[in-house]
C-alpha cells in the first residue's frame, strides 16, 4: 500500500470521528481504526473502533505492519512504520 493511499485512508477514517483514534495496518495491508491500549515486541492490545471498552483484542505483533497514532484533530502523533 502506498503512503499516499494510506494517508488518504487514514484521513477518511478520522474525518468521521470526533475522538482520538489510531490506525492499525496489518501485514496484509488491511487498515482499521482502533484505540491502542498497549504494545510491545510480542503483541498489541486494542479496542476496535465502535466497540465497547470491554471488547479488547490481542494481536500478535508479527501480524501488524504499522500503528499510526493520531490526535482528536487528525494530527499525526506517531507512525512507527515510516522508515527513518
N, C-alpha and C. Protein backbone atom coordinates (compact mmCIF):
# COMPACT_ATOMS: atom_id res chain seq x y z
N UNK A 1 0.86 -1.17 0.00
CA UNK A 1 0.00 0.00 0.00
C UNK A 1 0.90 1.23 0.00
N UNK A 2 0.65 2.16 -0.90
CA UNK A 2 1.49 3.35 -0.97
C UNK A 2 1.18 4.29 0.18
N UNK A 3 2.17 5.14 0.50
CA UNK A 3 1.98 6.11 1.59
C UNK A 3 0.82 7.05 1.28
N UNK A 4 0.69 7.46 0.05
CA UNK A 4 -0.38 8.40 -0.32
C UNK A 4 -1.75 7.76 -0.10
N UNK A 5 -1.89 6.50 -0.52
CA UNK A 5 -3.16 5.80 -0.33
C UNK A 5 -3.44 5.58 1.15
N UNK A 6 -2.40 5.22 1.91
CA UNK A 6 -2.58 5.02 3.35
C UNK A 6 -3.06 6.30 4.01
N UNK A 7 -2.44 7.43 3.71
CA UNK A 7 -2.84 8.70 4.33
C UNK A 7 -4.24 9.11 3.90
N UNK A 8 -4.63 8.81 2.68
CA UNK A 8 -6.00 9.10 2.25
C UNK A 8 -6.98 8.27 3.07
N UNK A 9 -6.65 7.01 3.30
CA UNK A 9 -7.49 6.14 4.12
C UNK A 9 -7.55 6.64 5.56
N UNK A 10 -6.40 6.99 6.11
CA UNK A 10 -6.35 7.50 7.49
C UNK A 10 -7.19 8.76 7.60
N UNK A 11 -7.06 9.67 6.67
CA UNK A 11 -7.83 10.92 6.70
C UNK A 11 -9.32 10.67 6.62
N UNK A 12 -9.73 9.76 5.75
CA UNK A 12 -11.14 9.43 5.61
C UNK A 12 -11.71 8.84 6.90
N UNK A 13 -10.96 7.94 7.49
CA UNK A 13 -11.41 7.33 8.74
C UNK A 13 -11.54 8.38 9.83
N UNK A 14 -10.54 9.23 9.95
CA UNK A 14 -10.53 10.19 11.05
C UNK A 14 -11.52 11.33 10.87
N UNK A 15 -11.86 11.65 9.64
CA UNK A 15 -12.84 12.72 9.43
C UNK A 15 -14.21 12.30 9.95
N UNK A 16 -14.44 11.00 10.02
CA UNK A 16 -15.74 10.53 10.51
C UNK A 16 -15.77 10.46 12.03
N UNK A 17 -14.66 10.74 12.67
CA UNK A 17 -14.58 10.66 14.12
C UNK A 17 -14.48 12.03 14.76
N UNK A 18 -14.85 12.09 16.01
CA UNK A 18 -14.62 13.31 16.76
C UNK A 18 -13.63 13.07 17.88
N UNK A 19 -13.20 11.84 18.05
CA UNK A 19 -12.31 11.50 19.16
C UNK A 19 -11.00 10.95 18.62
N UNK A 20 -10.04 10.84 19.53
CA UNK A 20 -8.73 10.31 19.17
C UNK A 20 -8.88 8.87 18.69
N UNK A 21 -8.15 8.54 17.65
CA UNK A 21 -8.17 7.17 17.13
C UNK A 21 -6.79 6.83 16.61
N UNK A 22 -6.51 5.57 16.57
CA UNK A 22 -5.29 5.08 15.98
C UNK A 22 -5.68 4.25 14.76
N UNK A 23 -4.77 4.13 13.82
CA UNK A 23 -5.00 3.28 12.67
C UNK A 23 -3.96 2.17 12.72
N UNK A 24 -4.45 0.94 12.72
CA UNK A 24 -3.58 -0.23 12.74
C UNK A 24 -3.57 -0.80 11.33
N UNK A 25 -2.37 -1.01 10.79
CA UNK A 25 -2.23 -1.58 9.45
C UNK A 25 -1.62 -2.97 9.60
N UNK A 26 -2.36 -3.96 9.16
CA UNK A 26 -1.87 -5.34 9.26
C UNK A 26 -0.83 -5.61 8.17
N UNK A 27 -0.13 -6.70 8.32
CA UNK A 27 0.91 -7.10 7.36
C UNK A 27 0.33 -7.33 5.96
N UNK A 28 -0.95 -7.71 5.88
CA UNK A 28 -1.57 -7.95 4.57
C UNK A 28 -2.10 -6.67 3.93
N UNK A 29 -1.88 -5.51 4.58
CA UNK A 29 -2.30 -4.22 4.03
C UNK A 29 -3.65 -3.73 4.52
N UNK A 30 -4.42 -4.56 5.19
CA UNK A 30 -5.72 -4.15 5.71
C UNK A 30 -5.51 -3.15 6.85
N UNK A 31 -6.17 -2.01 6.76
CA UNK A 31 -6.07 -0.99 7.80
C UNK A 31 -7.41 -0.84 8.49
N UNK A 32 -7.37 -0.64 9.79
CA UNK A 32 -8.60 -0.43 10.53
C UNK A 32 -8.34 0.49 11.70
N UNK A 33 -9.41 1.06 12.18
CA UNK A 33 -9.37 2.04 13.27
C UNK A 33 -9.54 1.33 14.60
N UNK A 34 -8.74 1.73 15.57
CA UNK A 34 -8.82 1.14 16.90
C UNK A 34 -8.12 2.06 17.88
N UNK A 35 -8.38 1.85 19.14
CA UNK A 35 -7.63 2.54 20.19
C UNK A 35 -6.59 1.54 20.68
N UNK A 36 -5.31 1.91 20.58
CA UNK A 36 -4.24 1.04 21.03
C UNK A 36 -4.05 1.26 22.53
N UNK A 37 -4.27 0.22 23.30
CA UNK A 37 -4.11 0.30 24.75
C UNK A 37 -2.66 0.08 25.16
N UNK A 38 -2.01 -0.89 24.51
CA UNK A 38 -0.60 -1.16 24.80
C UNK A 38 0.00 -1.92 23.64
N UNK A 39 1.32 -1.86 23.54
CA UNK A 39 2.02 -2.63 22.53
C UNK A 39 3.44 -2.89 23.01
N UNK A 40 3.94 -4.05 22.61
CA UNK A 40 5.32 -4.40 22.91
C UNK A 40 5.83 -5.23 21.73
N UNK A 41 6.97 -5.88 21.90
CA UNK A 41 7.55 -6.65 20.80
C UNK A 41 6.75 -7.89 20.44
N UNK A 42 5.89 -8.35 21.33
CA UNK A 42 5.15 -9.59 21.10
C UNK A 42 3.71 -9.39 20.68
N UNK A 43 3.03 -8.34 21.21
CA UNK A 43 1.61 -8.18 20.91
C UNK A 43 1.18 -6.72 21.03
N UNK A 44 0.00 -6.48 20.44
CA UNK A 44 -0.66 -5.18 20.54
C UNK A 44 -2.05 -5.45 21.11
N UNK A 45 -2.44 -4.66 22.11
CA UNK A 45 -3.76 -4.78 22.71
C UNK A 45 -4.57 -3.58 22.26
N UNK A 46 -5.72 -3.84 21.64
CA UNK A 46 -6.55 -2.78 21.06
C UNK A 46 -8.00 -2.92 21.48
N UNK A 47 -8.74 -1.82 21.30
CA UNK A 47 -10.19 -1.83 21.31
C UNK A 47 -10.60 -1.38 19.92
N UNK A 48 -11.21 -2.26 19.12
CA UNK A 48 -11.62 -1.87 17.78
C UNK A 48 -12.62 -0.70 17.83
N UNK A 49 -12.57 0.15 16.82
CA UNK A 49 -13.47 1.30 16.76
C UNK A 49 -14.92 0.84 16.82
N UNK A 50 -15.73 1.65 17.43
CA UNK A 50 -17.16 1.42 17.54
C UNK A 50 -17.49 0.18 18.37
N UNK A 51 -16.56 -0.25 19.21
CA UNK A 51 -16.81 -1.39 20.10
C UNK A 51 -16.81 -0.91 21.54
N UNK A 52 -17.45 -1.67 22.38
CA UNK A 52 -17.47 -1.42 23.80
C UNK A 52 -16.06 -1.54 24.36
N UNK A 53 -15.77 -0.82 25.42
CA UNK A 53 -14.43 -0.83 26.02
C UNK A 53 -14.03 -2.21 26.51
N UNK A 54 -15.00 -3.08 26.74
CA UNK A 54 -14.67 -4.43 27.20
C UNK A 54 -14.26 -5.35 26.05
N UNK A 55 -14.36 -4.86 24.82
CA UNK A 55 -14.06 -5.68 23.64
C UNK A 55 -12.59 -5.59 23.24
N UNK A 56 -11.71 -5.77 24.19
CA UNK A 56 -10.29 -5.71 23.87
C UNK A 56 -9.86 -6.94 23.07
N UNK A 57 -8.91 -6.72 22.19
CA UNK A 57 -8.36 -7.79 21.37
C UNK A 57 -6.84 -7.75 21.46
N UNK A 58 -6.24 -8.90 21.42
CA UNK A 58 -4.79 -9.03 21.40
C UNK A 58 -4.38 -9.52 20.02
N UNK A 59 -3.43 -8.81 19.41
CA UNK A 59 -2.94 -9.20 18.09
C UNK A 59 -1.45 -9.48 18.19
N UNK A 60 -0.99 -10.57 17.61
CA UNK A 60 0.45 -10.80 17.58
C UNK A 60 1.15 -9.67 16.81
N UNK A 61 2.23 -9.18 17.34
CA UNK A 61 2.95 -8.07 16.72
C UNK A 61 3.40 -8.41 15.29
N UNK A 62 3.67 -9.67 15.04
CA UNK A 62 4.12 -10.10 13.71
C UNK A 62 3.06 -9.86 12.64
N UNK A 63 1.79 -9.75 13.03
CA UNK A 63 0.71 -9.51 12.08
C UNK A 63 0.46 -8.03 11.82
N UNK A 64 1.16 -7.15 12.53
CA UNK A 64 0.94 -5.71 12.41
C UNK A 64 2.14 -5.05 11.74
N UNK A 65 1.89 -4.38 10.61
CA UNK A 65 2.95 -3.71 9.88
C UNK A 65 3.27 -2.34 10.48
N UNK A 66 2.22 -1.64 10.93
CA UNK A 66 2.44 -0.30 11.48
C UNK A 66 1.25 0.14 12.32
N UNK A 67 1.51 1.09 13.20
CA UNK A 67 0.48 1.72 14.00
C UNK A 67 0.64 3.23 13.82
N UNK A 68 -0.41 3.88 13.37
CA UNK A 68 -0.41 5.33 13.15
C UNK A 68 -1.27 5.95 14.25
N UNK A 69 -0.64 6.69 15.16
CA UNK A 69 -1.37 7.33 16.25
C UNK A 69 -1.73 8.77 15.85
N UNK A 70 -3.00 9.10 16.01
CA UNK A 70 -3.50 10.43 15.64
C UNK A 70 -4.18 11.05 16.86
N UNK A 71 -4.19 12.40 16.90
CA UNK A 71 -4.91 13.06 17.99
C UNK A 71 -6.36 13.30 17.57
N UNK A 72 -7.14 13.94 18.43
CA UNK A 72 -8.56 14.14 18.16
C UNK A 72 -8.84 15.08 16.99
N UNK A 73 -7.81 15.80 16.52
CA UNK A 73 -7.96 16.72 15.38
C UNK A 73 -7.44 16.10 14.10
N UNK A 74 -6.95 14.88 14.17
CA UNK A 74 -6.43 14.21 12.99
C UNK A 74 -4.95 14.45 12.74
N UNK A 75 -4.29 15.11 13.68
CA UNK A 75 -2.85 15.36 13.52
C UNK A 75 -2.06 14.11 13.89
N UNK A 76 -1.01 13.87 13.16
CA UNK A 76 -0.16 12.71 13.38
C UNK A 76 0.60 12.86 14.70
N UNK A 77 0.47 11.87 15.56
CA UNK A 77 1.25 11.83 16.80
C UNK A 77 2.48 10.98 16.61
N UNK A 78 2.32 9.81 16.00
CA UNK A 78 3.47 8.95 15.69
C UNK A 78 3.07 7.94 14.64
N UNK A 79 4.08 7.47 13.92
CA UNK A 79 3.87 6.46 12.90
C UNK A 79 5.08 5.54 12.95
N UNK A 80 4.92 4.38 13.59
CA UNK A 80 6.06 3.50 13.76
C UNK A 80 6.43 2.73 12.52
N UNK A 81 5.71 2.92 11.43
CA UNK A 81 6.01 2.20 10.19
C UNK A 81 6.79 2.99 9.18
N UNK A 82 7.06 4.26 9.44
CA UNK A 82 7.78 5.09 8.49
C UNK A 82 9.27 4.84 8.65
N UNK A 83 9.95 4.47 7.57
CA UNK A 83 11.39 4.24 7.67
C UNK A 83 12.12 5.52 8.04
N UNK A 84 13.14 5.39 8.86
CA UNK A 84 13.93 6.56 9.29
C UNK A 84 14.86 7.02 8.20
